[in-house]
């Protein structure tokens, strides 16, 4: 175990300042500082607020992670950081911090892809990823189907959302129902006490001529909002729990149906689900039922590892080190639209670490 790479990962793509430390595929620390409460009064994430929160939380969160892992910064074999996609300002805070620590320590720097990290984190829970693996990533910013034959170099997009991501739809319906922000956890909670068959809401892009693997939740969001408005206009009470359950069922029905279909079409017998919405209890249950019926093995990390965290970045960074992937250059920058086909941002041919003066840069 001591021979496995010890890597620190930094995640700042949105409103979570995450710092994780892993040794190989073993999680040693997962420290998170969330600014979600600061965004709640706005009903969504405010980029400038997120960036400032990352600045304030960065050093204390790194120190907390090192203490939790029982290691020092000098023990690390590398520093990994989310280079994109995400909010530009938020990403820049993380990338700048990672570059500073890597330079001061004389350690290799790895700028990695946020989406690929969400896939790789499952290794911390269930061991090495099968190759290939189909991944369904569902969060506030992404609803994607991805086929990975090598998480460090080969991730192929199969389908994606053409409008609102699943997490965005949860947030918007929660707002219409006056349930607050973020919407995912509260919708899930209310749905447990409601009837998922009470109201028939539309399933977007599920017709025979629609794209097989793409997602659309804008029409569903509009249909639910109009249904609620009609009830209120008629002076009737809105059955919040039934609406939550029926809306949630429409979302997870489409997500799981398309994911299982993609696995069958590609001959892949493993499905991994990640991203914040993967913490949804109904998604987990329905995915398990449909995967078992199709002979597909389902892999879903525990809820804490599904939301944005530094552990997932460290996991991908450790995989980069283990497979001898090229480190990133010192001119690494944040890329808010970094494509998933680029699991990491390699540097130049030469080893940049050897150019660093390691004397008295970090104490």
Protein backbone atom coordinates (compact mmCIF):
# COMPACT_ATOMS: atom_id res chain seq x y z
CA UNK A 1 0.00 0.00 0.00
CA UNK A 2 2.87 2.38 0.77
CA UNK A 3 4.01 2.07 -2.86
CA UNK A 4 0.69 3.38 -4.17
CA UNK A 5 0.60 7.08 -5.13
CA UNK A 6 -0.45 9.51 -2.41
CA UNK A 7 -2.34 12.34 -4.08
CA UNK A 8 -4.22 15.40 -2.86
CA UNK A 9 -7.16 16.57 -4.96
CA UNK A 10 -8.79 20.00 -5.05
CA UNK A 11 -12.33 20.56 -6.37
CA UNK A 12 -13.81 24.06 -6.80
CA UNK A 13 -15.99 23.80 -9.91
CA UNK A 14 -19.12 25.16 -8.22
CA UNK A 15 -20.08 25.89 -4.61
CA UNK A 16 -18.18 23.14 -2.76
CA UNK A 17 -14.56 23.57 -1.71
CA UNK A 18 -13.48 19.94 -1.67
CA UNK A 19 -10.08 18.57 -0.70
CA UNK A 20 -9.46 14.84 -0.76
CA UNK A 21 -6.43 12.66 -0.17
CA UNK A 22 -6.14 9.13 -1.48
CA UNK A 23 -3.44 6.48 -1.55
CA UNK A 24 -4.04 4.44 -4.67
CA UNK A 25 -7.74 3.60 -4.41
CA UNK A 26 -7.92 4.06 -0.63
CA UNK A 27 -9.61 7.20 0.66
CA UNK A 28 -7.70 8.81 3.51
CA UNK A 29 -9.46 12.17 3.81
CA UNK A 30 -12.44 13.95 2.31
CA UNK A 31 -12.80 17.50 3.61
CA UNK A 32 -15.54 19.74 2.24
CA UNK A 33 -16.47 23.36 2.93
CA UNK A 34 -19.83 24.23 1.38
CA UNK A 35 -21.14 27.69 0.57
CA UNK A 36 -24.64 26.42 -0.25
CA UNK A 37 -26.22 28.42 2.60
CA UNK A 38 -24.81 31.62 1.15
CA UNK A 39 -26.52 30.87 -2.19
CA UNK A 40 -29.85 29.69 -0.76
CA UNK A 41 -31.31 33.19 -0.44
CA UNK A 42 -30.69 33.75 -4.15
CA UNK A 43 -32.33 30.47 -5.15
CA UNK A 44 -29.23 29.28 -6.99
CA UNK A 45 -25.44 29.47 -7.12
CA UNK A 46 -23.99 32.96 -7.56
CA UNK A 47 -20.56 32.62 -9.24
CA UNK A 48 -18.89 35.56 -7.49
CA UNK A 49 -20.11 34.41 -4.08
CA UNK A 50 -18.80 30.91 -4.80
CA UNK A 51 -15.37 32.21 -5.85
CA UNK A 52 -14.97 34.31 -2.71
CA UNK A 53 -16.07 31.39 -0.52
CA UNK A 54 -13.43 29.17 -2.16
CA UNK A 55 -10.74 31.76 -1.41
CA UNK A 56 -11.66 31.83 2.25
CA UNK A 57 -12.02 28.07 2.65
CA UNK A 58 -9.07 26.80 0.61
CA UNK A 59 -6.15 26.77 3.05
CA UNK A 60 -8.17 25.68 6.12
CA UNK A 61 -9.76 22.84 4.11
CA UNK A 62 -6.39 21.62 2.83
CA UNK A 63 -4.97 21.71 6.36
CA UNK A 64 -8.00 19.79 7.64
CA UNK A 65 -7.61 17.12 4.97
CA UNK A 66 -3.88 16.64 5.69
CA UNK A 67 -4.61 16.30 9.40
CA UNK A 68 -7.45 13.84 8.78
CA UNK A 69 -5.24 11.73 6.51
CA UNK A 70 -2.37 11.78 8.98
CA UNK A 71 0.16 12.91 6.36
CA UNK A 72 2.16 16.03 5.66
CA UNK A 73 2.21 18.00 2.45
CA UNK A 74 5.76 16.81 1.79
CA UNK A 75 4.56 13.18 1.79
CA UNK A 76 2.39 13.76 -1.29
CA UNK A 77 3.31 12.30 -4.67
CA UNK A 78 1.18 14.76 -6.62
CA UNK A 79 -1.47 17.48 -6.59
CA UNK A 80 -4.61 17.09 -8.71
CA UNK A 81 -7.17 19.80 -9.38
CA UNK A 82 -10.36 20.22 -11.36
CA UNK A 83 -9.39 22.26 -14.42
CA UNK A 84 -12.93 22.18 -15.86
CA UNK A 85 -15.72 22.20 -16.69
CA UNK A 86 -17.37 24.49 -14.14
CA UNK A 87 -17.70 28.12 -13.13
CA UNK A 88 -14.68 29.98 -14.48
CA UNK A 89 -13.96 32.08 -11.40
CA UNK A 90 -14.44 29.17 -9.02
CA UNK A 91 -12.17 26.93 -11.09
CA UNK A 92 -9.44 29.58 -11.14
CA UNK A 93 -9.29 29.61 -7.34
CA UNK A 94 -8.69 25.87 -7.21
CA UNK A 95 -6.21 25.81 -10.09
CA UNK A 96 -4.23 28.70 -8.60
CA UNK A 97 -4.08 27.01 -5.21
CA UNK A 98 -3.03 23.67 -6.72
CA UNK A 99 -0.27 25.32 -8.76
CA UNK A 100 1.01 27.14 -5.69
CA UNK A 101 1.16 24.00 -3.56
CA UNK A 102 2.64 21.87 -6.35
CA UNK A 103 5.32 24.46 -7.13
CA UNK A 104 6.24 25.01 -3.49
CA UNK A 105 6.42 21.28 -2.81
CA UNK A 106 8.15 20.36 -6.07
CA UNK A 107 5.39 17.87 -6.87
CA UNK A 108 3.73 17.07 -10.22
CA UNK A 109 0.52 18.91 -11.00
CA UNK A 110 -2.46 17.23 -12.69
CA UNK A 111 -5.32 19.29 -14.10
CA UNK A 112 -8.21 16.84 -14.45
CA UNK A 113 -11.72 16.78 -15.83
CA UNK A 114 -14.63 17.21 -13.42
CA UNK A 115 -16.83 14.66 -15.18
CA UNK A 116 -14.12 12.02 -15.46
CA UNK A 117 -13.47 12.53 -11.75
CA UNK A 118 -17.11 11.75 -10.98
CA UNK A 119 -16.61 8.40 -12.71
CA UNK A 120 -13.25 7.61 -11.14
CA UNK A 121 -14.45 8.21 -7.57
CA UNK A 122 -16.29 4.89 -7.70
CA UNK A 123 -12.91 3.16 -7.46
CA UNK A 124 -12.72 4.36 -3.86
CA UNK A 125 -15.92 2.46 -3.11
CA UNK A 126 -15.95 -0.60 -5.35
CA UNK A 127 -12.39 -1.08 -6.60
CA UNK A 128 -10.94 -0.73 -10.07
CA UNK A 129 -13.34 0.31 -12.80
CA UNK A 130 -14.14 -2.36 -15.39
CA UNK A 131 -13.04 -1.43 -18.89
CA UNK A 132 -15.27 -0.44 -20.53
CA UNK A 133 -17.74 1.13 -18.08
CA UNK A 134 -20.91 3.02 -18.97
CA UNK A 135 -21.41 6.05 -16.73
CA UNK A 136 -24.58 8.04 -16.11
CA UNK A 137 -23.63 11.39 -14.60
CA UNK A 138 -26.47 13.48 -13.24
CA UNK A 139 -26.01 16.77 -11.40
CA UNK A 140 -27.05 20.40 -11.38
CA UNK A 141 -24.98 21.13 -14.44
CA UNK A 142 -24.76 17.83 -16.27
CA UNK A 143 -26.90 14.92 -17.41
CA UNK A 144 -24.58 12.75 -19.47
CA UNK A 145 -24.08 9.20 -20.66
CA UNK A 146 -20.38 8.43 -21.07
CA UNK A 147 -18.51 5.32 -22.18
CA UNK A 148 -15.06 4.95 -20.64
CA UNK A 149 -12.54 2.35 -21.78
CA UNK A 150 -9.68 4.12 -19.93
CA UNK A 151 -10.62 6.76 -17.37
CA UNK A 152 -7.29 8.55 -17.85
CA UNK A 153 -7.39 8.85 -21.63
CA UNK A 154 -10.54 7.54 -23.29
CA UNK A 155 -13.97 8.83 -22.30
CA UNK A 156 -16.54 8.96 -25.09
CA UNK A 157 -19.79 10.97 -24.82
CA UNK A 158 -22.86 8.94 -25.75
CA UNK A 159 -25.53 11.47 -24.87
CA UNK A 160 -26.13 14.65 -22.90
CA UNK A 161 -28.85 17.08 -21.91
CA UNK A 162 -29.93 19.50 -24.62
CA UNK A 163 -31.40 21.97 -22.13
CA UNK A 164 -31.89 21.77 -18.36
CA UNK A 165 -29.85 19.14 -16.52
CA UNK A 166 -31.72 16.91 -14.07
CA UNK A 167 -30.39 18.79 -11.05
CA UNK A 168 -31.50 22.12 -12.49
CA UNK A 169 -35.00 20.74 -12.99
CA UNK A 170 -35.10 19.59 -9.35
CA UNK A 171 -34.03 23.06 -8.18
CA UNK A 172 -36.62 24.84 -10.33
CA UNK A 173 -39.55 22.63 -9.31
CA UNK A 174 -38.56 22.95 -5.66
CA UNK A 175 -38.64 26.71 -6.11
CA UNK A 176 -42.11 26.60 -7.70
CA UNK A 177 -43.30 24.48 -4.76
CA UNK A 178 -41.67 26.91 -2.30
CA UNK A 179 -39.48 24.17 -0.87
CA UNK A 180 -36.19 26.08 -0.95
CA UNK A 181 -32.73 25.41 -2.36
CA UNK A 182 -31.10 23.05 -3.21
CA UNK A 183 -34.05 21.18 -4.64
CA UNK A 184 -32.73 17.64 -4.96
CA UNK A 185 -32.72 16.56 -1.30
CA UNK A 186 -36.01 18.24 -0.41
CA UNK A 187 -37.86 16.86 -3.45
CA UNK A 188 -36.55 13.39 -2.57
CA UNK A 189 -37.76 13.77 1.00
CA UNK A 190 -41.27 14.93 0.06
CA UNK A 191 -41.53 12.31 -2.69
CA UNK A 192 -41.14 9.49 -0.19
CA UNK A 193 -44.54 10.43 1.23
CA UNK A 194 -46.23 10.94 -2.14
CA UNK A 195 -47.69 8.81 -4.93
CA UNK A 196 -45.39 8.63 -7.99
CA UNK A 197 -48.37 7.61 -10.14
CA UNK A 198 -50.69 10.40 -8.96
CA UNK A 199 -49.91 12.66 -11.93
CA UNK A 200 -48.66 11.67 -15.36
CA UNK A 201 -45.92 14.08 -16.37
CA UNK A 202 -44.16 13.91 -19.77
CA UNK A 203 -40.99 11.93 -20.43
CA UNK A 204 -38.81 14.04 -22.71
CA UNK A 205 -37.01 12.60 -25.76
CA UNK A 206 -38.42 9.09 -25.37
CA UNK A 207 -40.20 8.84 -28.73
CA UNK A 208 -39.09 6.40 -31.43
CA UNK A 209 -37.52 9.18 -33.52
CA UNK A 210 -35.87 11.02 -30.64
CA UNK A 211 -32.11 10.80 -29.92
CA UNK A 212 -31.61 7.54 -28.05
CA UNK A 213 -29.24 8.82 -25.37
CA UNK A 214 -29.87 12.57 -25.09
CA UNK A 215 -31.91 14.13 -22.29
CA UNK A 216 -34.37 17.00 -22.08
CA UNK A 217 -36.03 18.15 -18.86
CA UNK A 218 -37.16 21.61 -19.91
CA UNK A 219 -40.54 20.39 -21.15
CA UNK A 220 -41.08 18.38 -17.97
CA UNK A 221 -40.19 21.37 -15.83
CA UNK A 222 -42.68 23.55 -17.74
CA UNK A 223 -45.42 20.94 -17.55
CA UNK A 224 -45.05 20.58 -13.79
CA UNK A 225 -44.97 24.34 -13.26
CA UNK A 226 -48.11 24.85 -15.35
CA UNK A 227 -49.90 22.04 -13.51
CA UNK A 228 -49.11 23.73 -10.20
CA UNK A 229 -50.16 27.15 -11.50
CA UNK A 230 -53.47 25.75 -12.74
CA UNK A 231 -54.21 24.28 -9.32
CA UNK A 232 -53.44 27.55 -7.58
CA UNK A 233 -55.44 29.57 -10.10
CA UNK A 234 -58.44 27.34 -9.41
CA UNK A 235 -58.05 27.96 -5.69
CA UNK A 236 -57.19 24.33 -5.03
CA UNK A 237 -54.53 23.04 -2.70
CA UNK A 238 -51.40 21.74 -4.42
CA UNK A 239 -50.62 18.16 -3.31
CA UNK A 240 -46.92 18.87 -2.80
CA UNK A 241 -45.91 15.33 -1.95
CA UNK A 242 -47.69 13.81 -4.94
CA UNK A 243 -46.25 16.45 -7.27
CA UNK A 244 -42.76 15.82 -5.92
CA UNK A 245 -43.12 12.05 -6.30
CA UNK A 246 -44.62 12.22 -9.80
CA UNK A 247 -42.03 14.71 -11.01
CA UNK A 248 -39.18 12.70 -9.54
CA UNK A 249 -40.52 9.51 -11.13
CA UNK A 250 -40.58 11.15 -14.55
CA UNK A 251 -36.93 12.21 -14.20
CA UNK A 252 -35.52 8.91 -12.93
CA UNK A 253 -37.62 6.89 -15.37
CA UNK A 254 -35.96 8.63 -18.32
CA UNK A 255 -32.47 8.55 -16.81
CA UNK A 256 -32.50 4.84 -16.02
CA UNK A 257 -34.29 3.81 -19.21
CA UNK A 258 -31.72 5.50 -21.44
CA UNK A 259 -28.76 4.32 -19.37
CA UNK A 260 -29.82 0.68 -19.52
CA UNK A 261 -30.50 0.99 -23.24
CA UNK A 262 -27.01 2.40 -23.83
CA UNK A 263 -25.46 -0.51 -21.93
CA UNK A 264 -27.40 -3.03 -24.01
CA UNK A 265 -26.62 -1.32 -27.30
CA UNK A 266 -22.89 -1.14 -26.54
CA UNK A 267 -22.64 -4.59 -24.97
CA UNK A 268 -21.44 -3.15 -21.64
CA UNK A 269 -22.37 -5.07 -18.51
CA UNK A 270 -21.43 -2.41 -15.92
CA UNK A 271 -23.27 0.85 -15.25
CA UNK A 272 -21.84 3.47 -12.92
CA UNK A 273 -24.02 6.36 -11.71
CA UNK A 274 -22.42 9.51 -10.32
CA UNK A 275 -23.02 13.21 -9.75
CA UNK A 276 -25.11 14.93 -7.11
CA UNK A 277 -28.46 13.56 -8.30
CA UNK A 278 -27.06 10.04 -7.89
CA UNK A 279 -27.76 10.55 -4.19
CA UNK A 280 -31.48 10.45 -5.01
CA UNK A 281 -33.03 7.42 -3.31
CA UNK A 282 -35.59 6.66 -6.01
CA UNK A 283 -32.96 6.82 -8.77
CA UNK A 284 -30.89 4.24 -6.92
CA UNK A 285 -33.82 1.88 -6.41
CA UNK A 286 -35.14 2.07 -9.98
CA UNK A 287 -31.65 1.78 -11.47
CA UNK A 288 -31.01 -1.34 -9.40
CA UNK A 289 -34.31 -2.91 -10.48
CA UNK A 290 -33.72 -2.24 -14.17
CA UNK A 291 -30.08 -3.26 -14.12
CA UNK A 292 -30.88 -6.56 -12.41
CA UNK A 293 -33.58 -7.25 -15.00
CA UNK A 294 -31.09 -6.56 -17.81
CA UNK A 295 -28.17 -8.50 -16.31
CA UNK A 296 -26.15 -5.34 -15.72
CA UNK A 297 -24.04 -4.75 -12.63
CA UNK A 298 -24.79 -1.37 -11.04
CA UNK A 299 -22.10 0.65 -9.27
CA UNK A 300 -23.15 3.74 -7.31
CA UNK A 301 -20.83 5.38 -4.74
CA UNK A 302 -22.21 6.36 -1.35
CA UNK A 303 -24.09 9.69 -1.44
CA UNK A 304 -21.23 11.78 -0.02
CA UNK A 305 -18.98 10.71 -2.88
CA UNK A 306 -21.64 11.50 -5.49
CA UNK A 307 -21.75 15.20 -4.76
CA UNK A 308 -18.78 17.42 -5.70
CA UNK A 309 -15.78 16.54 -3.53
CA UNK A 310 -12.00 16.54 -3.54
CA UNK A 311 -11.80 12.77 -3.14
CA UNK A 312 -12.95 12.21 -6.72
CA UNK A 313 -10.25 14.56 -8.03
CA UNK A 314 -7.60 12.86 -5.92
CA UNK A 315 -8.82 9.46 -7.17
CA UNK A 316 -8.34 10.47 -10.80
CA UNK A 317 -5.03 12.12 -9.99
CA UNK A 318 -3.79 8.92 -8.34
CA UNK A 319 -4.82 6.98 -11.43
CA UNK A 320 -2.86 9.43 -13.58
CA UNK A 321 0.24 8.87 -11.45
CA UNK A 322 -0.21 5.08 -11.41
CA UNK A 323 -0.48 4.97 -15.21
CA UNK A 324 2.42 7.38 -15.73
CA UNK A 325 0.34 10.01 -17.48
CA UNK A 326 2.05 13.30 -18.26
CA UNK A 327 1.78 15.96 -15.59
CA UNK A 328 0.30 19.34 -16.44
CA UNK A 329 2.47 22.36 -17.18
CA UNK A 330 2.79 25.40 -14.94
CA UNK A 331 0.72 27.42 -17.42
CA UNK A 332 -2.29 25.20 -16.68
CA UNK A 333 -5.44 27.30 -16.77
CA UNK A 334 -9.08 26.76 -15.92
CA UNK A 335 -11.34 25.79 -18.81
CA UNK A 336 -15.02 26.25 -17.99
CA UNK A 337 -16.02 24.16 -21.02
CA UNK A 338 -13.32 21.47 -20.88
CA UNK A 339 -14.69 18.56 -22.93
CA UNK A 340 -15.06 15.19 -21.25
CA UNK A 341 -12.99 13.69 -24.06
CA UNK A 342 -10.03 15.28 -22.25
CA UNK A 343 -9.85 13.48 -18.88
CA UNK A 344 -6.78 15.51 -18.01
CA UNK A 345 -4.73 18.41 -19.34
CA UNK A 346 -1.21 17.15 -20.03
CA UNK A 347 1.78 19.44 -20.12
CA UNK A 348 4.83 19.53 -22.32
CA UNK A 349 7.09 16.60 -23.07
CA UNK A 350 9.66 17.53 -20.42
CA UNK A 351 9.14 16.92 -16.70
CA UNK A 352 8.29 20.29 -15.23
CA UNK A 353 8.96 19.15 -11.67
CA UNK A 354 12.69 19.06 -12.23
CA UNK A 355 12.66 22.75 -13.04
CA UNK A 356 11.40 23.66 -9.60
CA UNK A 357 13.71 24.86 -6.88
CA UNK A 358 12.55 22.95 -3.82
CA UNK A 359 14.60 24.82 -1.26
CA UNK A 360 12.58 26.52 1.48
CA UNK A 361 9.49 26.97 -0.68
CA UNK A 362 7.21 25.23 1.78
CA UNK A 363 7.42 24.77 5.51
